[in-house]
Amino acid sequence: MRALKGTQKLSDVVRQRVRETESEQWRSAMLDKTTLELYFTHKSSPATDNFYDNDAGSGLLFEARAGALRTLLYRQRFDTSPTRGASHGGGDNQEEATSVVVADPTAWTRNPCGR
């Protein structure tokens, strides 16, 4: 049992030394790069920053950073201005086009294999 405790202590010591070495290497790398001077002055260790906390704002931030922000969908849902139709390439005419397709399915002809 004592060997296990000694091993745990040794692993903790090794882990701590690895962290110290990595932190020192990170600091020296930051000092060598003048473009990261502002970044380095506000960050003391190479730890990650948590931006996302499962609320609506962090969800929008994630979508924006990932390039998947659905701005047109949100604008269509919440913008009631009369110019909305012009910005959406047809706007309210989509309902009309959908009703025509549903009402007259024979307007669409099948052309199998390009014949």
C-alpha atoms as a PDB file:
ATOM      1  CA  MET A   1       0.000   0.000   0.000  1.00  0.00           C
ATOM      2  CA  ARG A   2       2.864   2.379   0.753  1.00  0.00           C
ATOM      3  CA  ALA A   3       4.367   1.775  -2.684  1.00  0.00           C
ATOM      4  CA  LEU A   4       1.101   2.925  -4.255  1.00  0.00           C
ATOM      5  CA  LYS A   5       1.090   6.119  -2.206  1.00  0.00           C
ATOM      6  CA  GLY A   6       4.733   6.720  -3.099  1.00  0.00           C
ATOM      7  CA  THR A   7       3.918   6.191  -6.772  1.00  0.00           C
ATOM      8  CA  GLN A   8       1.029   8.632  -6.560  1.00  0.00           C
ATOM      9  CA  LYS A   9       3.249  11.215  -4.959  1.00  0.00           C
ATOM     10  CA  LEU A  10       5.919  10.663  -7.586  1.00  0.00           C
ATOM     11  CA  SER A  11       3.376  11.070 -10.383  1.00  0.00           C
ATOM     12  CA  ASP A  12       2.090  14.279  -8.774  1.00  0.00           C
ATOM     13  CA  VAL A  13       5.634  15.636  -8.544  1.00  0.00           C
ATOM     14  CA  VAL A  14       6.348  14.711 -12.173  1.00  0.00           C
ATOM     15  CA  ARG A  15       3.056  16.256 -13.326  1.00  0.00           C
ATOM     16  CA  GLN A  16       3.842  19.478 -11.443  1.00  0.00           C
ATOM     17  CA  ARG A  17       7.340  19.693 -12.932  1.00  0.00           C
ATOM     18  CA  VAL A  18       5.981  19.108 -16.416  1.00  0.00           C
ATOM     19  CA  ARG A  19       3.483  21.954 -15.907  1.00  0.00           C
ATOM     20  CA  GLU A  20       6.236  24.256 -14.650  1.00  0.00           C
ATOM     21  CA  THR A  21       8.488  23.409 -17.600  1.00  0.00           C
ATOM     22  CA  GLU A  22       5.668  23.903 -20.112  1.00  0.00           C
ATOM     23  CA  SER A  23       4.727  27.220 -18.503  1.00  0.00           C
ATOM     24  CA  GLU A  24       8.316  28.434 -18.647  1.00  0.00           C
ATOM     25  CA  GLN A  25       8.619  27.418 -22.310  1.00  0.00           C
ATOM     26  CA  TRP A  26       5.318  29.175 -23.049  1.00  0.00           C
ATOM     27  CA  ARG A  27       6.485  32.375 -21.327  1.00  0.00           C
ATOM     28  CA  SER A  28       9.799  32.425 -23.209  1.00  0.00           C
ATOM     29  CA  ALA A  29       8.011  31.786 -26.515  1.00  0.00           C
ATOM     30  CA  MET A  30       5.618  34.676 -25.789  1.00  0.00           C
ATOM     31  CA  LEU A  31       8.514  37.011 -25.004  1.00  0.00           C
ATOM     32  CA  ASP A  32      10.173  36.148 -28.326  1.00  0.00           C
ATOM     33  CA  LYS A  33       7.079  37.130 -30.347  1.00  0.00           C
ATOM     34  CA  THR A  34       6.445  40.859 -30.394  1.00  0.00           C
ATOM     35  CA  THR A  35       3.066  40.387 -32.067  1.00  0.00           C
ATOM     36  CA  LEU A  36       1.774  38.553 -28.980  1.00  0.00           C
ATOM     37  CA  GLU A  37       2.877  41.193 -26.475  1.00  0.00           C
ATOM     38  CA  LEU A  38      -0.657  42.413 -25.717  1.00  0.00           C
ATOM     39  CA  TYR A  39      -1.907  38.842 -25.406  1.00  0.00           C
ATOM     40  CA  PHE A  40       0.919  37.937 -23.026  1.00  0.00           C
ATOM     41  CA  THR A  41       0.377  40.969 -20.777  1.00  0.00           C
ATOM     42  CA  HIS A  42      -3.191  39.854 -20.008  1.00  0.00           C
ATOM     43  CA  LYS A  43      -2.600  36.117 -19.745  1.00  0.00           C
ATOM     44  CA  SER A  44      -0.287  34.645 -17.130  1.00  0.00           C
ATOM     45  CA  SER A  45      -0.436  30.941 -17.983  1.00  0.00           C
ATOM     46  CA  PRO A  46      -1.098  28.753 -21.031  1.00  0.00           C
ATOM     47  CA  ALA A  47      -4.509  27.663 -19.728  1.00  0.00           C
ATOM     48  CA  THR A  48      -7.650  27.661 -21.836  1.00  0.00           C
ATOM     49  CA  ASP A  49     -10.318  30.328 -21.451  1.00  0.00           C
ATOM     50  CA  ASN A  50     -13.909  29.187 -21.101  1.00  0.00           C
ATOM     51  CA  PHE A  51     -16.131  31.294 -23.349  1.00  0.00           C
ATOM     52  CA  TYR A  52     -19.139  29.003 -23.477  1.00  0.00           C
ATOM     53  CA  ASP A  53     -21.425  28.453 -20.482  1.00  0.00           C
ATOM     54  CA  ASN A  54     -24.570  27.011 -22.129  1.00  0.00           C
ATOM     55  CA  ASP A  55     -26.610  30.208 -22.245  1.00  0.00           C
ATOM     56  CA  ALA A  56     -28.071  31.960 -25.285  1.00  0.00           C
ATOM     57  CA  GLY A  57     -25.178  34.392 -25.619  1.00  0.00           C
ATOM     58  CA  SER A  58     -22.528  31.701 -25.575  1.00  0.00           C
ATOM     59  CA  GLY A  59     -24.489  29.715 -28.143  1.00  0.00           C
ATOM     60  CA  LEU A  60     -24.526  32.706 -30.481  1.00  0.00           C
ATOM     61  CA  LEU A  61     -20.820  33.287 -29.835  1.00  0.00           C
ATOM     62  CA  PHE A  62     -20.047  29.662 -30.707  1.00  0.00           C
ATOM     63  CA  GLU A  63     -22.078  29.821 -33.930  1.00  0.00           C
ATOM     64  CA  ALA A  64     -20.400  33.088 -34.934  1.00  0.00           C
ATOM     65  CA  ARG A  65     -16.893  31.746 -34.284  1.00  0.00           C
ATOM     66  CA  ALA A  66     -17.718  28.519 -36.142  1.00  0.00           C
ATOM     67  CA  GLY A  67     -19.092  30.448 -39.129  1.00  0.00           C
ATOM     68  CA  ALA A  68     -22.541  28.927 -38.705  1.00  0.00           C
ATOM     69  CA  LEU A  69     -24.525  31.887 -37.405  1.00  0.00           C
ATOM     70  CA  ARG A  70     -28.016  31.768 -38.901  1.00  0.00           C
ATOM     71  CA  THR A  71     -28.465  35.514 -39.299  1.00  0.00           C
ATOM     72  CA  LEU A  72     -30.865  35.338 -42.235  1.00  0.00           C
ATOM     73  CA  LEU A  73     -33.107  32.917 -40.382  1.00  0.00           C
ATOM     74  CA  TYR A  74     -33.176  35.126 -37.280  1.00  0.00           C
ATOM     75  CA  ARG A  75     -33.706  38.254 -39.360  1.00  0.00           C
ATOM     76  CA  GLN A  76     -36.598  36.685 -41.225  1.00  0.00           C
ATOM     77  CA  ARG A  77     -38.196  35.624 -37.963  1.00  0.00           C
ATOM     78  CA  PHE A  78     -37.823  38.889 -36.046  1.00  0.00           C
ATOM     79  CA  ASP A  79     -37.577  41.676 -38.654  1.00  0.00           C
ATOM     80  CA  THR A  80     -40.972  43.036 -39.670  1.00  0.00           C
ATOM     81  CA  SER A  81     -39.739  45.925 -41.806  1.00  0.00           C
ATOM     82  CA  PRO A  82     -41.216  46.332 -45.314  1.00  0.00           C
ATOM     83  CA  THR A  83     -37.779  46.028 -46.935  1.00  0.00           C
ATOM     84  CA  ARG A  84     -37.395  42.493 -45.613  1.00  0.00           C
ATOM     85  CA  GLY A  85     -38.563  40.908 -48.873  1.00  0.00           C
ATOM     86  CA  ALA A  86     -35.822  42.538 -50.919  1.00  0.00           C
ATOM     87  CA  SER A  87     -33.093  41.257 -48.638  1.00  0.00           C
ATOM     88  CA  HIS A  88     -34.325  37.684 -48.788  1.00  0.00           C
ATOM     89  CA  GLY A  89     -34.593  37.269 -52.533  1.00  0.00           C
ATOM     90  CA  GLY A  90     -38.346  37.099 -52.739  1.00  0.00           C
ATOM     91  CA  GLY A  91     -39.418  37.289 -49.125  1.00  0.00           C
ATOM     92  CA  ASP A  92     -43.112  36.476 -48.758  1.00  0.00           C
ATOM     93  CA  ASN A  93     -43.391  35.118 -52.309  1.00  0.00           C
ATOM     94  CA  GLN A  94     -42.031  31.785 -51.064  1.00  0.00           C
ATOM     95  CA  GLU A  95     -45.455  30.847 -49.664  1.00  0.00           C
ATOM     96  CA  GLU A  96     -47.078  31.615 -53.016  1.00  0.00           C
ATOM     97  CA  ALA A  97     -44.536  29.524 -54.929  1.00  0.00           C
ATOM     98  CA  THR A  98     -45.003  26.640 -52.515  1.00  0.00           C
ATOM     99  CA  SER A  99     -48.791  26.729 -52.860  1.00  0.00           C
ATOM    100  CA  VAL A 100     -48.532  26.642 -56.674  1.00  0.00           C
ATOM    101  CA  VAL A 101     -46.314  23.560 -56.582  1.00  0.00           C
ATOM    102  CA  VAL A 102     -48.602  21.788 -54.116  1.00  0.00           C
ATOM    103  CA  ALA A 103     -51.817  22.790 -55.927  1.00  0.00           C
ATOM    104  CA  ASP A 104     -50.650  21.775 -59.411  1.00  0.00           C
ATOM    105  CA  PRO A 105     -48.263  18.802 -59.235  1.00  0.00           C
ATOM    106  CA  THR A 106     -48.727  18.129 -62.984  1.00  0.00           C
ATOM    107  CA  ALA A 107     -46.797  21.315 -63.728  1.00  0.00           C
ATOM    108  CA  TRP A 108     -43.653  19.366 -62.917  1.00  0.00           C
ATOM    109  CA  THR A 109     -42.800  16.756 -65.523  1.00  0.00           C
ATOM    110  CA  ARG A 110     -40.426  13.897 -64.968  1.00  0.00           C
ATOM    111  CA  ASN A 111     -37.578  13.496 -67.377  1.00  0.00           C
ATOM    112  CA  PRO A 112     -35.917  10.160 -66.550  1.00  0.00           C
ATOM    113  CA  CYS A 113     -32.361   9.788 -67.778  1.00  0.00           C
ATOM    114  CA  GLY A 114     -32.497  13.017 -69.774  1.00  0.00           C
ATOM    115  CA  ARG A 115     -35.052  11.752 -72.342  1.00  0.00           C
END
